[in-house]
Amino acid sequence: MRLKILYFNFLLFLIITSCDKKMEFDSVVWNDRSVDWQINQDRELMVEDLIATKLLIGLHKKEIQSLLGKPDSVLNNHYFYFIFEKYELDIDPVYMSELEITFGKNELVQKYNILKK
């Protein structure tokens, strides 16, 4: 009986820990533009680690481009990096997210934000 309880607890532990959908940031994976990159969740899973570990504030534009690649769009002093699109039965996405990076003086990162639509 005790063995069954241990086995059950171990399985429960595996299920709970496997539900944590995070991924360590990898610049090569982030910059992979294969056929389905827009609907691939890799960037969505990596963005939290990117923000937590790469300390983006204070990085220069060139350092950001070296880390994240060419931005998907640029508006004034803002870089936008597409993260993820989710589709259902329609051709229009039901969910979109992108990373916005704002540069201040001397082209250094002033702030960043994850935009979800």
PDB file of N, CA and C in Angstrom:
ATOM      1  N   MET A   1       0.821  -1.198   0.000  1.00  0.00           N
ATOM      2  CA  MET A   1       0.000   0.000   0.000  1.00  0.00           C
ATOM      3  C   MET A   1       0.869   1.267   0.000  1.00  0.00           C
ATOM      4  N   ARG A   2       1.910   1.224   0.819  1.00  0.00           N
ATOM      5  CA  ARG A   2       2.789   2.387   0.893  1.00  0.00           C
ATOM      6  C   ARG A   2       3.484   2.643  -0.447  1.00  0.00           C
ATOM      7  N   LEU A   3       3.830   1.587  -1.131  1.00  0.00           N
ATOM      8  CA  LEU A   3       4.461   1.706  -2.439  1.00  0.00           C
ATOM      9  C   LEU A   3       3.517   2.359  -3.443  1.00  0.00           C
ATOM     10  N   LYS A   4       2.241   2.023  -3.375  1.00  0.00           N
ATOM     11  CA  LYS A   4       1.248   2.633  -4.263  1.00  0.00           C
ATOM     12  C   LYS A   4       1.121   4.128  -4.004  1.00  0.00           C
ATOM     13  N   ILE A   5       1.159   4.527  -2.747  1.00  0.00           N
ATOM     14  CA  ILE A   5       1.069   5.949  -2.392  1.00  0.00           C
ATOM     15  C   ILE A   5       2.294   6.691  -2.916  1.00  0.00           C
ATOM     16  N   LEU A   6       3.471   6.104  -2.735  1.00  0.00           N
ATOM     17  CA  LEU A   6       4.695   6.726  -3.259  1.00  0.00           C
ATOM     18  C   LEU A   6       4.645   6.850  -4.778  1.00  0.00           C
ATOM     19  N   TYR A   7       4.200   5.805  -5.424  1.00  0.00           N
ATOM     20  CA  TYR A   7       4.086   5.816  -6.881  1.00  0.00           C
ATOM     21  C   TYR A   7       3.098   6.888  -7.340  1.00  0.00           C
ATOM     22  N   PHE A   8       1.951   6.974  -6.680  1.00  0.00           N
ATOM     23  CA  PHE A   8       0.944   7.982  -7.019  1.00  0.00           C
ATOM     24  C   PHE A   8       1.504   9.389  -6.827  1.00  0.00           C
ATOM     25  N   ASN A   9       2.177   9.628  -5.704  1.00  0.00           N
ATOM     26  CA  ASN A   9       2.763  10.949  -5.443  1.00  0.00           C
ATOM     27  C   ASN A   9       3.823  11.308  -6.482  1.00  0.00           C
ATOM     28  N   PHE A  10       4.613  10.332  -6.883  1.00  0.00           N
ATOM     29  CA  PHE A  10       5.626  10.571  -7.906  1.00  0.00           C
ATOM     30  C   PHE A  10       4.975  10.950  -9.237  1.00  0.00           C
ATOM     31  N   LEU A  11       3.940  10.228  -9.631  1.00  0.00           N
ATOM     32  CA  LEU A  11       3.224  10.553 -10.870  1.00  0.00           C
ATOM     33  C   LEU A  11       2.588  11.936 -10.797  1.00  0.00           C
ATOM     34  N   LEU A  12       1.999  12.249  -9.663  1.00  0.00           N
ATOM     35  CA  LEU A  12       1.392  13.564  -9.479  1.00  0.00           C
ATOM     36  C   LEU A  12       2.443  14.663  -9.598  1.00  0.00           C
ATOM     37  N   PHE A  13       3.602  14.445  -9.005  1.00  0.00           N
ATOM     38  CA  PHE A  13       4.707  15.398  -9.102  1.00  0.00           C
ATOM     39  C   PHE A  13       5.129  15.601 -10.557  1.00  0.00           C
ATOM     40  N   LEU A  14       5.266  14.529 -11.304  1.00  0.00           N
ATOM     41  CA  LEU A  14       5.649  14.627 -12.716  1.00  0.00           C
ATOM     42  C   LEU A  14       4.621  15.401 -13.523  1.00  0.00           C
ATOM     43  N   ILE A  15       3.367  15.149 -13.281  1.00  0.00           N
ATOM     44  CA  ILE A  15       2.300  15.847 -14.011  1.00  0.00           C
ATOM     45  C   ILE A  15       2.327  17.332 -13.707  1.00  0.00           C
ATOM     46  N   ILE A  16       2.441  17.683 -12.443  1.00  0.00           N
ATOM     47  CA  ILE A  16       2.432  19.096 -12.050  1.00  0.00           C
ATOM     48  C   ILE A  16       3.647  19.828 -12.608  1.00  0.00           C
ATOM     49  N   THR A  17       4.823  19.245 -12.499  1.00  0.00           N
ATOM     50  CA  THR A  17       6.027  19.932 -12.981  1.00  0.00           C
ATOM     51  C   THR A  17       6.105  19.983 -14.494  1.00  0.00           C
ATOM     52  N   SER A  18       5.493  19.053 -15.183  1.00  0.00           N
ATOM     53  CA  SER A  18       5.533  19.081 -16.646  1.00  0.00           C
ATOM     54  C   SER A  18       4.561  20.095 -17.221  1.00  0.00           C
ATOM     55  N   CYS A  19       3.641  20.596 -16.419  1.00  0.00           N
ATOM     56  CA  CYS A  19       2.672  21.586 -16.890  1.00  0.00           C
ATOM     57  C   CYS A  19       3.265  22.986 -16.943  1.00  0.00           C
ATOM     58  N   ASP A  20       4.427  23.178 -16.374  1.00  0.00           N
ATOM     59  CA  ASP A  20       5.069  24.481 -16.366  1.00  0.00           C
ATOM     60  C   ASP A  20       5.650  24.738 -17.745  1.00  0.00           C
ATOM     61  N   LYS A  21       4.966  25.562 -18.527  1.00  0.00           N
ATOM     62  CA  LYS A  21       5.383  25.794 -19.907  1.00  0.00           C
ATOM     63  C   LYS A  21       6.308  26.999 -19.983  1.00  0.00           C
ATOM     64  N   LYS A  22       7.571  26.754 -19.733  1.00  0.00           N
ATOM     65  CA  LYS A  22       8.592  27.779 -19.879  1.00  0.00           C
ATOM     66  C   LYS A  22       9.744  27.148 -20.631  1.00  0.00           C
ATOM     67  N   MET A  23      10.540  28.011 -21.225  1.00  0.00           N
ATOM     68  CA  MET A  23      11.667  27.520 -22.007  1.00  0.00           C
ATOM     69  C   MET A  23      12.818  28.492 -21.817  1.00  0.00           C
ATOM     70  N   GLU A  24      14.010  27.974 -21.643  1.00  0.00           N
ATOM     71  CA  GLU A  24      15.177  28.833 -21.495  1.00  0.00           C
ATOM     72  C   GLU A  24      15.413  29.589 -22.800  1.00  0.00           C
ATOM     73  N   PHE A  25      15.734  30.885 -22.680  1.00  0.00           N
ATOM     74  CA  PHE A  25      15.954  31.699 -23.872  1.00  0.00           C
ATOM     75  C   PHE A  25      17.144  31.177 -24.657  1.00  0.00           C
ATOM     76  N   ASP A  26      16.955  31.068 -25.961  1.00  0.00           N
ATOM     77  CA  ASP A  26      18.002  30.626 -26.883  1.00  0.00           C
ATOM     78  C   ASP A  26      17.912  31.516 -28.118  1.00  0.00           C
ATOM     79  N   SER A  27      18.932  32.317 -28.340  1.00  0.00           N
ATOM     80  CA  SER A  27      18.932  33.268 -29.448  1.00  0.00           C
ATOM     81  C   SER A  27      18.760  32.588 -30.799  1.00  0.00           C
ATOM     82  N   VAL A  28      19.352  31.418 -30.971  1.00  0.00           N
ATOM     83  CA  VAL A  28      19.244  30.691 -32.243  1.00  0.00           C
ATOM     84  C   VAL A  28      17.796  30.267 -32.489  1.00  0.00           C
ATOM     85  N   VAL A  29      17.149  29.722 -31.463  1.00  0.00           N
ATOM     86  CA  VAL A  29      15.746  29.304 -31.594  1.00  0.00           C
ATOM     87  C   VAL A  29      14.852  30.523 -31.811  1.00  0.00           C
ATOM     88  N   TRP A  30      15.113  31.618 -31.078  1.00  0.00           N
ATOM     89  CA  TRP A  30      14.325  32.850 -31.223  1.00  0.00           C
ATOM     90  C   TRP A  30      14.376  33.352 -32.665  1.00  0.00           C
ATOM     91  N   ASN A  31      15.530  33.271 -33.291  1.00  0.00           N
ATOM     92  CA  ASN A  31      15.717  33.797 -34.645  1.00  0.00           C
ATOM     93  C   ASN A  31      15.384  32.804 -35.752  1.00  0.00           C
ATOM     94  N   ASP A  32      14.951  31.610 -35.397  1.00  0.00           N
ATOM     95  CA  ASP A  32      14.570  30.604 -36.392  1.00  0.00           C
ATOM     96  C   ASP A  32      13.293  31.047 -37.103  1.00  0.00           C
ATOM     97  N   ARG A  33      13.377  31.275 -38.387  1.00  0.00           N
ATOM     98  CA  ARG A  33      12.227  31.723 -39.178  1.00  0.00           C
ATOM     99  C   ARG A  33      11.778  30.624 -40.130  1.00  0.00           C
ATOM    100  N   SER A  34      11.625  29.416 -39.597  1.00  0.00           N
ATOM    101  CA  SER A  34      11.152  28.319 -40.442  1.00  0.00           C
ATOM    102  C   SER A  34       9.699  28.560 -40.839  1.00  0.00           C
ATOM    103  N   VAL A  35       9.154  27.674 -41.614  1.00  0.00           N
ATOM    104  CA  VAL A  35       7.838  27.856 -42.233  1.00  0.00           C
ATOM    105  C   VAL A  35       6.750  28.251 -41.240  1.00  0.00           C
ATOM    106  N   ASP A  36       6.674  27.606 -40.092  1.00  0.00           N
ATOM    107  CA  ASP A  36       5.573  27.849 -39.164  1.00  0.00           C
ATOM    108  C   ASP A  36       5.977  28.689 -37.952  1.00  0.00           C
ATOM    109  N   TRP A  37       6.981  29.519 -38.068  1.00  0.00           N
ATOM    110  CA  TRP A  37       7.495  30.225 -36.904  1.00  0.00           C
ATOM    111  C   TRP A  37       6.459  31.118 -36.234  1.00  0.00           C
ATOM    112  N   GLN A  38       5.477  31.644 -36.980  1.00  0.00           N
ATOM    113  CA  GLN A  38       4.470  32.522 -36.379  1.00  0.00           C
ATOM    114  C   GLN A  38       3.547  31.777 -35.423  1.00  0.00           C
ATOM    115  N   ILE A  39       3.289  30.504 -35.698  1.00  0.00           N
ATOM    116  CA  ILE A  39       2.379  29.742 -34.844  1.00  0.00           C
ATOM    117  C   ILE A  39       3.125  28.774 -33.927  1.00  0.00           C
ATOM    118  N   ASN A  40       4.435  28.782 -33.979  1.00  0.00           N
ATOM    119  CA  ASN A  40       5.258  27.978 -33.086  1.00  0.00           C
ATOM    120  C   ASN A  40       5.352  28.715 -31.748  1.00  0.00           C
ATOM    121  N   GLN A  41       5.156  28.026 -30.648  1.00  0.00           N
ATOM    122  CA  GLN A  41       5.118  28.671 -29.342  1.00  0.00           C
ATOM    123  C   GLN A  41       6.484  28.907 -28.715  1.00  0.00           C
ATOM    124  N   ASP A  42       7.565  28.642 -29.406  1.00  0.00           N
ATOM    125  CA  ASP A  42       8.889  28.776 -28.802  1.00  0.00           C
ATOM    126  C   ASP A  42       9.131  30.169 -28.226  1.00  0.00           C
ATOM    127  N   ARG A  43       8.840  31.208 -28.986  1.00  0.00           N
ATOM    128  CA  ARG A  43       9.072  32.568 -28.488  1.00  0.00           C
ATOM    129  C   ARG A  43       8.186  32.870 -27.277  1.00  0.00           C
ATOM    130  N   GLU A  44       6.954  32.418 -27.328  1.00  0.00           N
ATOM    131  CA  GLU A  44       6.025  32.630 -26.213  1.00  0.00           C
ATOM    132  C   GLU A  44       6.567  31.974 -24.936  1.00  0.00           C
ATOM    133  N   LEU A  45       7.155  30.808 -25.081  1.00  0.00           N
ATOM    134  CA  LEU A  45       7.687  30.084 -23.930  1.00  0.00           C
ATOM    135  C   LEU A  45       9.015  30.664 -23.444  1.00  0.00           C
ATOM    136  N   MET A  46       9.758  31.332 -24.320  1.00  0.00           N
ATOM    137  CA  MET A  46      11.076  31.870 -23.966  1.00  0.00           C
ATOM    138  C   MET A  46      11.049  33.297 -23.450  1.00  0.00           C
ATOM    139  N   VAL A  47       9.997  34.054 -23.735  1.00  0.00           N
ATOM    140  CA  VAL A  47      10.023  35.487 -23.462  1.00  0.00           C
ATOM    141  C   VAL A  47      10.158  35.791 -21.966  1.00  0.00           C
ATOM    142  N   GLU A  48       9.556  34.996 -21.096  1.00  0.00           N
ATOM    143  CA  GLU A  48       9.698  35.228 -19.657  1.00  0.00           C
ATOM    144  C   GLU A  48      11.145  35.059 -19.215  1.00  0.00           C
ATOM    145  N   ASP A  49      11.803  34.019 -19.707  1.00  0.00           N
ATOM    146  CA  ASP A  49      13.202  33.798 -19.364  1.00  0.00           C
ATOM    147  C   ASP A  49      14.073  34.915 -19.934  1.00  0.00           C
ATOM    148  N   LEU A  50      13.764  35.360 -21.134  1.00  0.00           N
ATOM    149  CA  LEU A  50      14.500  36.467 -21.753  1.00  0.00           C
ATOM    150  C   LEU A  50      14.458  37.696 -20.856  1.00  0.00           C
ATOM    151  N   ILE A  51      13.268  38.048 -20.408  1.00  0.00           N
ATOM    152  CA  ILE A  51      13.101  39.234 -19.573  1.00  0.00           C
ATOM    153  C   ILE A  51      13.753  39.045 -18.207  1.00  0.00           C
ATOM    154  N   ALA A  52      13.632  37.858 -17.646  1.00  0.00           N
ATOM    155  CA  ALA A  52      14.165  37.604 -16.307  1.00  0.00           C
ATOM    156  C   ALA A  52      15.687  37.507 -16.276  1.00  0.00           C
ATOM    157  N   THR A  53      16.301  36.995 -17.329  1.00  0.00           N
ATOM    158  CA  THR A  53      17.735  36.699 -17.255  1.00  0.00           C
ATOM    159  C   THR A  53      18.634  37.596 -18.100  1.00  0.00           C
ATOM    160  N   LYS A  54      18.122  38.250 -19.100  1.00  0.00           N
ATOM    161  CA  LYS A  54      18.996  38.993 -20.011  1.00  0.00           C
ATOM    162  C   LYS A  54      19.149  40.461 -19.636  1.00  0.00           C
ATOM    163  N   LEU A  55      18.396  40.934 -18.650  1.00  0.00           N
ATOM    164  CA  LEU A  55      18.518  42.308 -18.174  1.00  0.00           C
ATOM    165  C   LEU A  55      18.602  43.289 -19.342  1.00  0.00           C
ATOM    166  N   LEU A  56      17.510  43.418 -20.053  1.00  0.00           N
ATOM    167  CA  LEU A  56      17.466  44.211 -21.278  1.00  0.00           C
ATOM    168  C   LEU A  56      17.704  45.703 -21.054  1.00  0.00           C
ATOM    169  N   ILE A  57      17.279  46.226 -19.903  1.00  0.00           N
ATOM    170  CA  ILE A  57      17.427  47.658 -19.633  1.00  0.00           C
ATOM    171  C   ILE A  57      18.905  48.032 -19.712  1.00  0.00           C
ATOM    172  N   GLY A  58      19.199  49.064 -20.501  1.00  0.00           N
ATOM    173  CA  GLY A  58      20.563  49.547 -20.635  1.00  0.00           C
ATOM    174  C   GLY A  58      21.337  48.957 -21.798  1.00  0.00           C
ATOM    175  N   LEU A  59      20.781  47.929 -22.443  1.00  0.00           N
ATOM    176  CA  LEU A  59      21.470  47.376 -23.614  1.00  0.00           C
ATOM    177  C   LEU A  59      21.350  48.330 -24.799  1.00  0.00           C
ATOM    178  N   HIS A  60      22.351  48.351 -25.643  1.00  0.00           N
ATOM    179  CA  HIS A  60      22.363  49.185 -26.841  1.00  0.00           C
ATOM    180  C   HIS A  60      21.568  48.499 -27.953  1.00  0.00           C
ATOM    181  N   LYS A  61      21.086  49.291 -28.908  1.00  0.00           N
ATOM    182  CA  LYS A  61      20.337  48.742 -30.048  1.00  0.00           C
ATOM    183  C   LYS A  61      21.089  47.609 -30.734  1.00  0.00           C
ATOM    184  N   LYS A  62      22.384  47.788 -30.901  1.00  0.00           N
ATOM    185  CA  LYS A  62      23.186  46.755 -31.564  1.00  0.00           C
ATOM    186  C   LYS A  62      23.202  45.461 -30.749  1.00  0.00           C
ATOM    187  N   GLU A  63      23.238  45.586 -29.424  1.00  0.00           N
ATOM    188  CA  GLU A  63      23.215  44.398 -28.566  1.00  0.00           C
ATOM    189  C   GLU A  63      21.865  43.690 -28.657  1.00  0.00           C
ATOM    190  N   ILE A  64      20.787  44.469 -28.729  1.00  0.00           N
ATOM    191  CA  ILE A  64      19.444  43.894 -28.872  1.00  0.00           C
ATOM    192  C   ILE A  64      19.341  43.150 -30.198  1.00  0.00           C
ATOM    193  N   GLN A  65      19.833  43.769 -31.278  1.00  0.00           N
ATOM    194  CA  GLN A  65      19.777  43.103 -32.581  1.00  0.00           C
ATOM    195  C   GLN A  65      20.656  41.853 -32.607  1.00  0.00           C
ATOM    196  N   SER A  66      21.761  41.878 -31.908  1.00  0.00           N
ATOM    197  CA  SER A  66      22.616  40.697 -31.826  1.00  0.00           C
ATOM    198  C   SER A  66      21.908  39.571 -31.073  1.00  0.00           C
ATOM    199  N   LEU A  67      21.157  39.930 -30.051  1.00  0.00           N
ATOM    200  CA  LEU A  67      20.454  38.951 -29.219  1.00  0.00           C
ATOM    201  C   LEU A  67      19.165  38.453 -29.864  1.00  0.00           C
ATOM    202  N   LEU A  68      18.358  39.384 -30.406  1.00  0.00           N
ATOM    203  CA  LEU A  68      17.015  39.055 -30.898  1.00  0.00           C
ATOM    204  C   LEU A  68      16.878  39.082 -32.413  1.00  0.00           C
ATOM    205  N   GLY A  69      17.888  39.550 -33.107  1.00  0.00           N
ATOM    206  CA  GLY A  69      17.805  39.652 -34.558  1.00  0.00           C
ATOM    207  C   GLY A  69      17.151  40.956 -34.983  1.00  0.00           C
ATOM    208  N   LYS A  70      16.909  41.074 -36.269  1.00  0.00           N
ATOM    209  CA  LYS A  70      16.279  42.266 -36.835  1.00  0.00           C
ATOM    210  C   LYS A  70      14.838  42.360 -36.325  1.00  0.00           C
ATOM    211  N   PRO A  71      14.402  43.544 -35.887  1.00  0.00           N
ATOM    212  CA  PRO A  71      13.020  43.666 -35.398  1.00  0.00           C
ATOM    213  C   PRO A  71      12.012  43.448 -36.526  1.00  0.00           C
ATOM    214  N   ASP A  72      10.825  42.978 -36.157  1.00  0.00           N
ATOM    215  CA  ASP A  72       9.767  42.766 -37.145  1.00  0.00           C
ATOM    216  C   ASP A  72       9.190  44.087 -37.624  1.00  0.00           C
ATOM    217  N   SER A  73       9.206  45.089 -36.756  1.00  0.00           N
ATOM    218  CA  SER A  73       8.810  46.437 -37.176  1.00  0.00           C
ATOM    219  C   SER A  73       9.493  47.455 -36.270  1.00  0.00           C
ATOM    220  N   VAL A  74       9.644  48.664 -36.807  1.00  0.00           N
ATOM    221  CA  VAL A  74      10.295  49.755 -36.084  1.00  0.00           C
ATOM    222  C   VAL A  74       9.404  50.978 -36.200  1.00  0.00           C
ATOM    223  N   LEU A  75       9.192  51.667 -35.086  1.00  0.00           N
ATOM    224  CA  LEU A  75       8.413  52.901 -35.078  1.00  0.00           C
ATOM    225  C   LEU A  75       9.118  53.877 -34.154  1.00  0.00           C
ATOM    226  N   ASN A  76       9.696  54.925 -34.747  1.00  0.00           N
ATOM    227  CA  ASN A  76      10.475  55.908 -33.994  1.00  0.00           C
ATOM    228  C   ASN A  76      11.546  55.204 -33.170  1.00  0.00           C
ATOM    229  N   ASN A  77      11.473  55.316 -31.845  1.00  0.00           N
ATOM    230  CA  ASN A  77      12.490  54.701 -30.988  1.00  0.00           C
ATOM    231  C   ASN A  77      11.993  53.386 -30.366  1.00  0.00           C
ATOM    232  N   HIS A  78      11.112  52.687 -31.083  1.00  0.00           N
ATOM    233  CA  HIS A  78      10.550  51.423 -30.599  1.00  0.00           C
ATOM    234  C   HIS A  78      10.862  50.290 -31.581  1.00  0.00           C
ATOM    235  N   TYR A  79      11.322  49.175 -31.048  1.00  0.00           N
ATOM    236  CA  TYR A  79      11.460  47.940 -31.817  1.00  0.00           C
ATOM    237  C   TYR A  79      10.323  47.016 -31.397  1.00  0.00           C
ATOM    238  N   PHE A  80       9.763  46.306 -32.368  1.00  0.00           N
ATOM    239  CA  PHE A  80       8.703  45.344 -32.087  1.00  0.00           C
ATOM    240  C   PHE A  80       9.141  43.977 -32.601  1.00  0.00           C
ATOM    241  N   TYR A  81       9.060  42.987 -31.717  1.00  0.00           N
ATOM    242  CA  TYR A  81       9.388  41.605 -32.066  1.00  0.00           C
ATOM    243  C   TYR A  81       8.138  40.751 -31.894  1.00  0.00           C
ATOM    244  N   PHE A  82       7.712  40.142 -32.975  1.00  0.00           N
ATOM    245  CA  PHE A  82       6.562  39.260 -32.957  1.00  0.00           C
ATOM    246  C   PHE A  82       6.864  38.069 -32.047  1.00  0.00           C
ATOM    247  N   ILE A  83       5.901  37.682 -31.218  1.00  0.00           N
ATOM    248  CA  ILE A  83       6.094  36.533 -30.334  1.00  0.00           C
ATOM    249  C   ILE A  83       5.257  35.340 -30.780  1.00  0.00           C
ATOM    250  N   PHE A  84       3.946  35.538 -30.908  1.00  0.00           N
ATOM    251  CA  PHE A  84       3.076  34.381 -31.166  1.00  0.00           C
ATOM    252  C   PHE A  84       1.718  34.826 -31.700  1.00  0.00           C
ATOM    253  N   GLU A  85       1.144  34.009 -32.575  1.00  0.00           N
ATOM    254  CA  GLU A  85      -0.237  34.180 -33.039  1.00  0.00           C
ATOM    255  C   GLU A  85      -0.968  32.864 -32.850  1.00  0.00           C
ATOM    256  N   LYS A  86      -2.195  32.962 -32.371  1.00  0.00           N
ATOM    257  CA  LYS A  86      -3.020  31.759 -32.211  1.00  0.00           C
ATOM    258  C   LYS A  86      -4.253  31.902 -33.084  1.00  0.00           C
ATOM    259  N   TYR A  87      -4.529  30.850 -33.835  1.00  0.00           N
ATOM    260  CA  TYR A  87      -5.685  30.825 -34.724  1.00  0.00           C
ATOM    261  C   TYR A  87      -6.649  29.734 -34.281  1.00  0.00           C
ATOM    262  N   GLU A  88      -7.911  29.951 -34.590  1.00  0.00           N
ATOM    263  CA  GLU A  88      -8.901  28.900 -34.381  1.00  0.00           C
ATOM    264  C   GLU A  88      -9.522  28.582 -35.732  1.00  0.00           C
ATOM    265  N   LEU A  89     -10.806  28.747 -35.903  1.00  0.00           N
ATOM    266  CA  LEU A  89     -11.455  28.371 -37.159  1.00  0.00           C
ATOM    267  C   LEU A  89     -11.468  29.483 -38.202  1.00  0.00           C
ATOM    268  N   ASP A  90     -11.114  30.674 -37.818  1.00  0.00           N
ATOM    269  CA  ASP A  90     -11.149  31.828 -38.701  1.00  0.00           C
ATOM    270  C   ASP A  90      -9.741  32.116 -39.230  1.00  0.00           C
ATOM    271  N   ILE A  91      -9.661  32.964 -40.257  1.00  0.00           N
ATOM    272  CA  ILE A  91      -8.342  33.340 -40.779  1.00  0.00           C
ATOM    273  C   ILE A  91      -7.696  34.437 -39.940  1.00  0.00           C
ATOM    274  N   ASP A  92      -8.494  35.101 -39.118  1.00  0.00           N
ATOM    275  CA  ASP A  92      -7.968  36.141 -38.248  1.00  0.00           C
ATOM    276  C   ASP A  92      -7.487  35.525 -36.937  1.00  0.00           C
ATOM    277  N   PRO A  93      -6.356  35.989 -36.434  1.00  0.00           N
ATOM    278  CA  PRO A  93      -5.862  35.427 -35.174  1.00  0.00           C
ATOM    279  C   PRO A  93      -6.780  35.801 -34.005  1.00  0.00           C
ATOM    280  N   VAL A  94      -6.911  34.884 -33.053  1.00  0.00           N
ATOM    281  CA  VAL A  94      -7.702  35.157 -31.853  1.00  0.00           C
ATOM    282  C   VAL A  94      -6.812  35.690 -30.737  1.00  0.00           C
ATOM    283  N   TYR A  95      -5.506  35.566 -30.912  1.00  0.00           N
ATOM    284  CA  TYR A  95      -4.552  36.033 -29.911  1.00  0.00           C
ATOM    285  C   TYR A  95      -3.245  36.377 -30.619  1.00  0.00           C
ATOM    286  N   MET A  96      -2.660  37.498 -30.223  1.00  0.00           N
ATOM    287  CA  MET A  96      -1.363  37.909 -30.756  1.00  0.00           C
ATOM    288  C   MET A  96      -0.547  38.504 -29.616  1.00  0.00           C
ATOM    289  N   SER A  97       0.754  38.300 -29.656  1.00  0.00           N
ATOM    290  CA  SER A  97       1.618  38.950 -28.676  1.00  0.00           C
ATOM    291  C   SER A  97       2.916  39.376 -29.357  1.00  0.00           C
ATOM    292  N   GLU A  98       3.461  40.474 -28.860  1.00  0.00           N
ATOM    293  CA  GLU A  98       4.744  40.952 -29.374  1.00  0.00           C
ATOM    294  C   GLU A  98       5.502  41.666 -28.269  1.00  0.00           C
ATOM    295  N   LEU A  99       6.803  41.682 -28.406  1.00  0.00           N
ATOM    296  CA  LEU A  99       7.686  42.347 -27.464  1.00  0.00           C
ATOM    297  C   LEU A  99       8.002  43.729 -28.014  1.00  0.00           C
ATOM    298  N   GLU A 100       7.699  44.745 -27.220  1.00  0.00           N
ATOM    299  CA  GLU A 100       8.013  46.131 -27.592  1.00  0.00           C
ATOM    300  C   GLU A 100       9.202  46.582 -26.753  1.00  0.00           C
ATOM    301  N   ILE A 101      10.223  47.079 -27.418  1.00  0.00           N
ATOM    302  CA  ILE A 101      11.409  47.583 -26.731  1.00  0.00           C
ATOM    303  C   ILE A 101      11.544  49.062 -27.066  1.00  0.00           C
ATOM    304  N   THR A 102      11.613  49.889 -26.030  1.00  0.00           N
ATOM    305  CA  THR A 102      11.713  51.338 -26.197  1.00  0.00           C
ATOM    306  C   THR A 102      13.135  51.787 -25.881  1.00  0.00           C
ATOM    307  N   PHE A 103      13.704  52.556 -26.805  1.00  0.00           N
ATOM    308  CA  PHE A 103      15.059  53.069 -26.627  1.00  0.00           C
ATOM    309  C   PHE A 103      15.005  54.534 -26.232  1.00  0.00           C
ATOM    310  N   GLY A 104      15.896  54.910 -25.341  1.00  0.00           N
ATOM    311  CA  GLY A 104      16.006  56.295 -24.912  1.00  0.00           C
ATOM    312  C   GLY A 104      17.259  56.924 -25.486  1.00  0.00           C
ATOM    313  N   LYS A 105      17.874  57.765 -24.681  1.00  0.00           N
ATOM    314  CA  LYS A 105      19.094  58.452 -25.104  1.00  0.00           C
ATOM    315  C   LYS A 105      20.207  57.454 -25.405  1.00  0.00           C
ATOM    316  N   ASN A 106      21.035  57.831 -26.337  1.00  0.00           N
ATOM    317  CA  ASN A 106      22.193  57.022 -26.732  1.00  0.00           C
ATOM    318  C   ASN A 106      21.807  55.631 -27.226  1.00  0.00           C
ATOM    319  N   GLU A 107      20.563  55.468 -27.675  1.00  0.00           N
ATOM    320  CA  GLU A 107      20.057  54.206 -28.226  1.00  0.00           C
ATOM    321  C   GLU A 107      20.151  53.046 -27.233  1.00  0.00           C
ATOM    322  N   LEU A 108      19.925  53.339 -25.951  1.00  0.00           N
ATOM    323  CA  LEU A 108      19.925  52.316 -24.913  1.00  0.00           C
ATOM    324  C   LEU A 108      18.488  51.965 -24.540  1.00  0.00           C
ATOM    325  N   VAL A 109      18.254  50.688 -24.195  1.00  0.00           N
ATOM    326  CA  VAL A 109      16.909  50.248 -23.821  1.00  0.00           C
ATOM    327  C   VAL A 109      16.471  50.985 -22.567  1.00  0.00           C
ATOM    328  N   GLN A 110      15.324  51.638 -22.687  1.00  0.00           N
ATOM    329  CA  GLN A 110      14.754  52.383 -21.572  1.00  0.00           C
ATOM    330  C   GLN A 110      13.691  51.544 -20.858  1.00  0.00           C
ATOM    331  N   LYS A 111      12.872  50.842 -21.651  1.00  0.00           N
ATOM    332  CA  LYS A 111      11.849  49.963 -21.080  1.00  0.00           C
ATOM    333  C   LYS A 111      11.415  48.954 -22.133  1.00  0.00           C
ATOM    334  N   TYR A 112      10.672  47.956 -21.701  1.00  0.00           N
ATOM    335  CA  TYR A 112      10.128  46.949 -22.610  1.00  0.00           C
ATOM    336  C   TYR A 112       8.769  46.524 -22.095  1.00  0.00           C
ATOM    337  N   ASN A 113       7.987  45.961 -22.989  1.00  0.00           N
ATOM    338  CA  ASN A 113       6.622  45.593 -22.645  1.00  0.00           C
ATOM    339  C   ASN A 113       6.184  44.446 -23.550  1.00  0.00           C
ATOM    340  N   ILE A 114       5.381  43.548 -23.019  1.00  0.00           N
ATOM    341  CA  ILE A 114       4.780  42.501 -23.841  1.00  0.00           C
ATOM    342  C   ILE A 114       3.359  42.934 -24.158  1.00  0.00           C
ATOM    343  N   LEU A 115       3.085  43.121 -25.437  1.00  0.00           N
ATOM    344  CA  LEU A 115       1.760  43.544 -25.885  1.00  0.00           C
ATOM    345  C   LEU A 115       0.952  42.318 -26.273  1.00  0.00           C
ATOM    346  N   LYS A 116      -0.251  42.217 -25.721  1.00  0.00           N
ATOM    347  CA  LYS A 116      -1.136  41.087 -26.039  1.00  0.00           C
ATOM    348  C   LYS A 116      -2.431  41.640 -26.596  1.00  0.00           C
ATOM    349  N   LYS A 117      -2.850  41.076 -27.719  1.00  0.00           N
ATOM    350  CA  LYS A 117      -4.066  41.550 -28.380  1.00  0.00           C
ATOM    351  C   LYS A 117      -5.031  40.405 -28.554  1.00  0.00           C
TER     352      LYS A 117
END
